[in-house]
Amino acid sequence: MPTTFKDYYATLGVPRTATAKEIHSAFRKLARKHHPDVNQGDKQAEQRFKEINEAHEVLGDPDKRKKYDELGPRWQEYEQWERAGRPGPNPFQAGPQFEYRTVSPDELEDLFGDSAPFSDFFETFFGGGGARGFRAGASRAGTRRRPALRGEDVEGETEISLEEAFRGTTRTVELSENGHRKRVEISIPAGIQDAARVRAVGQGSAGSGGAGAGDLYVRVRVRPHPNFTRDGATLRTKVQVPLQTAIAGGTVAVPTLRGSAVHLTVPPGTQNGARLRLRGLGMPHVRGDGAGDLIAEMDVRLPVPVPEELRSWAEQAIRH
């Protein structure tokens, strides 16, 4: 029965001009998607996983890929040469041998038993433990192991107040994987920006074949505050200033995220909308020491009702 030709480039979804890096990247993406540990009991995914590994076994090896590319439409001639007992030198041999394997047939047998991990096409041209032009990789002679695939990263989101962002806080994230639940406590640093991500190394999905787990990334959303706005490490707030204080000078209380107000000196003749800077009372710097500044914007207010003496003073000032 003739062997069916396998288009390994189509299997991995890459062009024939693909680089080794592009081939390996496509393999990893597809292998994760169709891995038996992720698709337990899915026969179609199991078969697809075998095909993906077979394609990478050839295209991921420079010598095997060269031989595969050179065969082209002559692969049937090669099969006939094999069946004839290989008379004379191999007319299809391409270059020196090179041992490299990411997932070997033995490793696939650990996953699938005796259910033909590689196709007849592969066995015709590349199989047989190296008897047909390519030696098996070192993993065939060593300890059998499952393909090592790092676990997927997991992403989530949480919300905190501006006060929590100011002093730093923690959040507990609950994850579920394959019916198992676990809780992960993440530390949110003081000064964190809205939409920044916090990383918990090794707390993502479990890996396979002895590979490490992925990471957990939690995006932190900081709720708007009724009294403060933020620009990086700089905080801004409005402070009500009585007209008398704005004219004659004095002090006003300015709220801070520390929980207590500070007294700010207002110079005589302060205009409405004037901005005064309180250094070091803004948001902490996530990396490095110190903090930003707090900008207090003066909101000059007339007293209600307006005292008679103030009205008289204003009228005289207008006349002069």
Protein backbone atom coordinates (compact mmCIF):
# COMPACT_ATOMS: atom_id res chain seq x y z
CA MET A 1 0.00 0.00 0.00
CA PRO A 2 1.58 3.33 -1.04
CA THR A 3 2.49 5.79 1.65
CA THR A 4 0.51 9.03 1.82
CA PHE A 5 2.61 12.17 1.52
CA LYS A 6 2.54 14.48 4.56
CA ASP A 7 2.72 18.26 4.16
CA TYR A 8 4.46 19.12 7.41
CA TYR A 9 4.46 22.84 6.66
CA ALA A 10 0.67 22.81 6.38
CA THR A 11 0.44 20.81 9.60
CA LEU A 12 2.24 23.57 11.52
CA GLY A 13 0.60 26.35 9.52
CA VAL A 14 3.89 27.90 8.37
CA PRO A 15 5.25 28.71 4.88
CA ARG A 16 8.14 26.76 3.37
CA THR A 17 10.32 29.84 3.89
CA ALA A 18 9.68 29.84 7.65
CA THR A 19 12.70 30.26 9.91
CA ALA A 20 13.61 27.73 12.58
CA LYS A 21 12.32 30.16 15.21
CA GLU A 22 8.97 30.53 13.44
CA ILE A 23 8.63 26.75 13.13
CA HIS A 24 9.39 26.20 16.81
CA SER A 25 6.99 28.97 17.85
CA ALA A 26 4.17 27.48 15.77
CA PHE A 27 4.90 24.03 17.23
CA ARG A 28 4.76 25.24 20.84
CA LYS A 29 1.49 27.10 20.27
CA LEU A 30 -0.22 24.12 18.64
CA ALA A 31 1.24 21.57 21.07
CA ARG A 32 -0.12 23.47 24.04
CA LYS A 33 -3.55 23.71 22.44
CA HIS A 34 -3.82 20.00 21.57
CA HIS A 35 -1.82 18.47 24.45
CA PRO A 36 -3.48 15.31 25.89
CA ASP A 37 -3.27 16.70 29.42
CA VAL A 38 -5.44 19.62 28.30
CA ASN A 39 -7.82 17.55 26.14
CA GLN A 40 -8.29 14.37 28.15
CA GLY A 41 -10.37 11.80 26.28
CA ASP A 42 -10.44 13.83 23.04
CA LYS A 43 -9.26 11.44 20.31
CA GLN A 44 -9.18 14.15 17.63
CA ALA A 45 -6.92 16.33 19.77
CA GLU A 46 -4.75 13.28 20.49
CA GLN A 47 -4.32 12.58 16.77
CA ARG A 48 -3.64 16.25 16.04
CA PHE A 49 -0.98 16.30 18.77
CA LYS A 50 0.77 13.33 17.15
CA GLU A 51 0.73 15.06 13.75
CA ILE A 52 2.10 18.28 15.21
CA ASN A 53 4.99 16.49 16.93
CA GLU A 54 5.77 14.49 13.81
CA ALA A 55 5.91 17.67 11.72
CA HIS A 56 8.20 19.34 14.24
CA GLU A 57 10.40 16.23 14.45
CA VAL A 58 11.23 16.76 10.77
CA LEU A 59 11.08 20.53 10.25
CA GLY A 60 12.76 21.26 13.59
CA ASP A 61 15.85 19.27 12.56
CA PRO A 62 18.00 21.05 9.92
CA ASP A 63 19.13 17.83 8.21
CA LYS A 64 15.72 16.20 8.20
CA ARG A 65 14.13 19.36 6.89
CA LYS A 66 16.69 19.57 4.10
CA LYS A 67 16.03 15.98 3.12
CA TYR A 68 12.27 16.52 3.25
CA ASP A 69 12.53 19.65 1.08
CA GLU A 70 14.79 17.92 -1.45
CA LEU A 71 12.47 14.91 -1.83
CA GLY A 72 9.52 16.95 -3.01
CA PRO A 73 7.55 15.02 -5.65
CA ARG A 74 10.29 12.32 -5.75
CA TRP A 75 9.23 10.85 -2.40
CA GLN A 76 7.57 7.90 -4.22
CA GLU A 77 10.88 7.13 -5.96
CA TYR A 78 12.53 7.04 -2.55
CA GLU A 79 9.90 4.58 -1.30
CA GLN A 80 10.54 2.31 -4.31
CA TRP A 81 14.30 2.47 -3.63
CA GLU A 82 13.61 1.42 -0.03
CA ARG A 83 11.49 -1.55 -1.10
CA ALA A 84 14.14 -2.68 -3.62
CA GLY A 85 16.57 -3.27 -0.78
CA ARG A 86 18.54 -0.02 -1.32
CA PRO A 87 20.72 -1.07 -4.27
CA GLY A 88 23.77 1.16 -4.47
CA PRO A 89 24.31 4.38 -2.57
CA ASN A 90 21.34 6.37 -1.28
CA PRO A 91 20.59 8.88 -4.07
CA PHE A 92 18.48 10.89 -1.65
CA GLN A 93 20.94 11.20 1.24
CA ALA A 94 21.35 14.86 2.17
CA GLY A 95 24.35 16.00 4.20
CA PRO A 96 25.71 14.92 7.57
CA GLN A 97 23.50 13.60 10.34
CA PHE A 98 22.40 15.81 13.21
CA GLU A 99 20.89 14.67 16.48
CA TYR A 100 18.12 16.93 17.76
CA ARG A 101 14.72 16.12 19.16
CA THR A 102 12.16 18.03 21.19
CA VAL A 103 9.58 15.24 21.45
CA SER A 104 10.82 11.78 20.52
CA PRO A 105 8.80 8.74 19.43
CA ASP A 106 9.57 7.09 22.78
CA GLU A 107 8.22 10.11 24.60
CA LEU A 108 5.07 9.97 22.50
CA GLU A 109 4.73 6.28 23.33
CA ASP A 110 4.59 7.28 26.98
CA LEU A 111 1.51 9.31 26.08
CA PHE A 112 -0.15 7.03 23.53
CA GLY A 113 1.24 3.52 24.16
CA ASP A 114 1.56 1.46 20.99
CA SER A 115 -0.93 3.51 18.95
CA ALA A 116 1.56 4.51 16.21
CA PRO A 117 2.88 7.86 17.43
CA PHE A 118 4.27 8.68 13.96
CA SER A 119 2.71 8.10 10.54
CA ASP A 120 3.78 5.57 7.89
CA PHE A 121 5.19 8.45 5.86
CA PHE A 122 7.49 9.44 8.72
CA GLU A 123 8.56 5.86 9.39
CA THR A 124 9.35 5.36 5.67
CA PHE A 125 11.72 8.30 5.40
CA PHE A 126 12.81 9.17 8.94
CA GLY A 127 11.93 6.25 11.25
CA GLY A 128 13.48 2.92 12.14
CA GLY A 129 15.77 4.14 14.88
CA GLY A 130 18.08 5.79 12.34
CA ALA A 131 18.33 2.86 9.89
CA ARG A 132 16.97 5.01 7.08
CA GLY A 133 19.37 7.89 7.10
CA PHE A 134 18.76 9.54 10.48
CA ARG A 135 19.82 8.38 13.90
CA ALA A 136 17.41 8.62 16.79
CA GLY A 137 17.99 11.43 19.27
CA ALA A 138 19.66 10.88 22.60
CA SER A 139 16.31 10.77 24.36
CA ARG A 140 15.53 7.36 22.81
CA ALA A 141 18.50 5.81 24.59
CA GLY A 142 17.92 7.58 27.88
CA THR A 143 15.09 7.77 30.35
CA ARG A 144 11.68 8.12 28.82
CA ARG A 145 9.81 11.27 29.76
CA ARG A 146 6.75 13.18 28.69
CA PRO A 147 7.11 16.30 26.53
CA ALA A 148 8.08 19.23 28.70
CA LEU A 149 5.70 22.13 28.17
CA ARG A 150 5.63 25.16 30.46
CA GLY A 151 2.21 25.95 31.89
CA GLU A 152 0.07 28.75 30.51
CA ASP A 153 0.14 32.18 32.11
CA VAL A 154 -3.11 33.18 33.82
CA GLU A 155 -4.49 36.71 33.89
CA GLY A 156 -7.02 38.31 36.23
CA GLU A 157 -8.13 41.71 37.50
CA THR A 158 -8.81 43.29 40.88
CA GLU A 159 -9.89 46.71 42.15
CA ILE A 160 -8.48 48.79 44.99
CA SER A 161 -9.06 52.24 46.47
CA LEU A 162 -6.67 55.16 46.06
CA GLU A 163 -5.88 54.89 49.77
CA GLU A 164 -4.83 51.25 49.26
CA ALA A 165 -2.71 52.25 46.28
CA PHE A 166 -1.09 54.89 48.51
CA ARG A 167 -0.05 52.54 51.31
CA GLY A 168 0.09 49.17 49.48
CA THR A 169 -2.18 46.21 50.11
CA THR A 170 -2.82 42.52 49.36
CA ARG A 171 -5.51 40.62 47.50
CA THR A 172 -6.40 36.91 47.50
CA VAL A 173 -7.11 35.42 44.08
CA GLU A 174 -8.94 32.10 43.75
CA LEU A 175 -7.98 29.92 40.78
CA SER A 176 -9.55 26.72 39.45
CA GLU A 177 -7.75 24.18 37.26
CA ASN A 178 -8.88 20.64 36.40
CA GLY A 179 -11.39 20.67 39.24
CA HIS A 180 -8.85 21.81 41.82
CA ARG A 181 -9.08 25.18 43.55
CA LYS A 182 -6.26 27.17 45.08
CA ARG A 183 -5.90 30.58 46.65
CA VAL A 184 -3.00 32.86 45.83
CA GLU A 185 -2.22 35.97 47.85
CA ILE A 186 -0.68 38.75 45.79
CA SER A 187 1.15 41.74 47.17
CA ILE A 188 0.26 45.12 45.63
CA PRO A 189 3.07 47.66 46.14
CA ALA A 190 2.51 51.18 47.42
CA GLY A 191 2.28 53.71 44.60
CA ILE A 192 0.99 51.26 41.98
CA GLN A 193 -0.48 52.88 38.87
CA ASP A 194 -3.98 52.21 37.58
CA ALA A 195 -4.02 49.28 35.09
CA ALA A 196 -0.54 48.10 36.15
CA ARG A 197 -0.02 44.33 36.43
CA VAL A 198 1.32 42.41 39.42
CA ARG A 199 3.12 39.13 38.68
CA ALA A 200 3.08 36.02 40.87
CA VAL A 201 5.80 33.70 39.52
CA GLY A 202 4.83 30.05 39.12
CA GLN A 203 1.21 30.54 40.17
CA GLY A 204 -0.35 30.04 36.73
CA SER A 205 -1.40 26.79 35.06
CA ALA A 206 0.63 23.68 35.83
CA GLY A 207 3.25 22.53 33.32
CA SER A 208 3.62 19.02 31.92
CA GLY A 209 6.54 16.62 31.64
CA GLY A 210 8.34 18.21 34.56
CA ALA A 211 8.21 21.75 33.15
CA GLY A 212 7.40 24.65 35.43
CA ALA A 213 4.04 26.30 35.90
CA GLY A 214 3.09 29.52 34.18
CA ASP A 215 2.81 32.85 35.98
CA LEU A 216 -0.21 34.68 37.37
CA TYR A 217 -0.70 38.27 36.21
CA VAL A 218 -3.25 40.43 38.04
CA ARG A 219 -4.20 43.80 36.55
CA VAL A 220 -4.89 46.35 39.27
CA ARG A 221 -7.61 48.95 38.78
CA VAL A 222 -7.56 51.99 41.10
CA ARG A 223 -11.00 53.47 41.77
CA PRO A 224 -11.49 57.23 41.25
CA HIS A 225 -11.41 59.29 44.46
CA PRO A 226 -13.94 62.02 45.32
CA ASN A 227 -11.30 64.45 46.64
CA PHE A 228 -8.07 63.62 44.81
CA THR A 229 -6.96 63.23 41.22
CA ARG A 230 -3.70 61.65 40.21
CA ASP A 231 -1.03 62.26 37.59
CA GLY A 232 1.71 59.68 38.08
CA ALA A 233 3.10 60.29 41.56
CA THR A 234 1.51 63.76 41.79
CA LEU A 235 -1.78 64.20 43.66
CA ARG A 236 -4.13 67.15 43.20
CA THR A 237 -6.93 68.40 45.45
CA LYS A 238 -9.08 71.51 45.82
CA VAL A 239 -9.07 73.45 49.09
CA GLN A 240 -11.81 75.88 50.05
CA VAL A 241 -10.36 79.24 51.16
CA PRO A 242 -12.53 81.93 52.79
CA LEU A 243 -12.38 85.24 50.96
CA GLN A 244 -11.01 86.99 54.04
CA THR A 245 -8.11 84.51 54.21
CA ALA A 246 -7.39 84.88 50.51
CA ILE A 247 -7.24 88.67 50.92
CA ALA A 248 -5.42 89.01 54.22
CA GLY A 249 -3.55 85.70 54.32
CA GLY A 250 -3.74 82.90 56.86
CA THR A 251 -3.78 79.10 57.06
CA VAL A 252 -6.10 76.39 55.73
CA ALA A 253 -6.32 72.64 56.39
CA VAL A 254 -5.40 70.41 53.44
CA PRO A 255 -6.51 66.74 53.51
CA THR A 256 -3.93 64.06 52.67
CA LEU A 257 -4.02 60.32 51.96
CA ARG A 258 -2.03 59.79 55.14
CA GLY A 259 -5.30 60.19 57.02
CA SER A 260 -4.55 63.52 58.70
CA ALA A 261 -4.71 67.06 57.37
CA VAL A 262 -1.76 69.44 57.16
CA HIS A 263 -1.87 73.20 57.66
CA LEU A 264 -0.97 75.26 54.61
CA THR A 265 0.01 78.93 54.78
CA VAL A 266 -1.97 81.05 52.32
CA PRO A 267 -0.17 84.29 51.38
CA PRO A 268 -2.13 87.58 51.29
CA GLY A 269 -3.77 88.32 47.96
CA THR A 270 -4.08 84.68 46.90
CA GLN A 271 -6.16 84.37 43.72
CA ASN A 272 -8.89 81.84 43.10
CA GLY A 273 -7.39 78.81 41.30
CA ALA A 274 -3.88 79.45 42.59
CA ARG A 275 -1.88 76.24 43.14
CA LEU A 276 0.38 75.65 46.12
CA ARG A 277 2.75 72.68 46.29
CA LEU A 278 3.23 70.42 49.31
CA ARG A 279 6.38 68.42 48.63
CA GLY A 280 6.54 64.72 49.41
CA LEU A 281 2.83 64.33 50.16
CA GLY A 282 1.90 62.71 46.84
CA MET A 283 1.95 59.03 45.83
CA PRO A 284 4.97 56.90 46.79
CA HIS A 285 7.34 55.92 43.98
CA VAL A 286 6.97 52.20 43.26
CA ARG A 287 10.67 51.92 42.45
CA GLY A 288 12.94 54.07 44.54
CA ASP A 289 12.60 56.18 47.64
CA GLY A 290 10.41 59.16 48.34
CA ALA A 291 7.09 60.30 46.96
CA GLY A 292 5.57 62.81 44.59
CA ASP A 293 3.99 66.12 45.57
CA LEU A 294 0.48 67.19 46.54
CA ILE A 295 -0.85 70.19 44.61
CA ALA A 296 -3.50 72.18 46.50
CA GLU A 297 -5.68 74.35 44.26
CA MET A 298 -7.23 77.36 46.02
CA ASP A 299 -11.02 77.53 45.76
CA VAL A 300 -11.80 81.00 47.13
CA ARG A 301 -15.32 81.24 48.55
CA LEU A 302 -17.49 84.20 49.53
CA PRO A 303 -19.11 83.89 52.94
CA VAL A 304 -22.85 83.27 52.87
CA PRO A 305 -24.52 85.51 53.77
CA VAL A 306 -22.06 88.31 52.95
CA PRO A 307 -21.37 90.39 56.11
CA GLU A 308 -22.43 94.04 55.91
CA GLU A 309 -18.91 95.33 56.63
CA LEU A 310 -17.52 93.21 53.77
CA ARG A 311 -20.18 94.54 51.43
CA SER A 312 -19.34 98.14 52.42
CA TRP A 313 -15.62 97.51 51.96
CA ALA A 314 -16.21 96.05 48.50
CA GLU A 315 -18.36 99.01 47.44
CA GLN A 316 -15.70 101.49 48.57
CA ALA A 317 -13.00 99.53 46.75
CA ILE A 318 -15.02 99.64 43.54
CA ARG A 319 -15.51 103.44 43.79
CA HIS A 320 -11.79 103.99 44.18
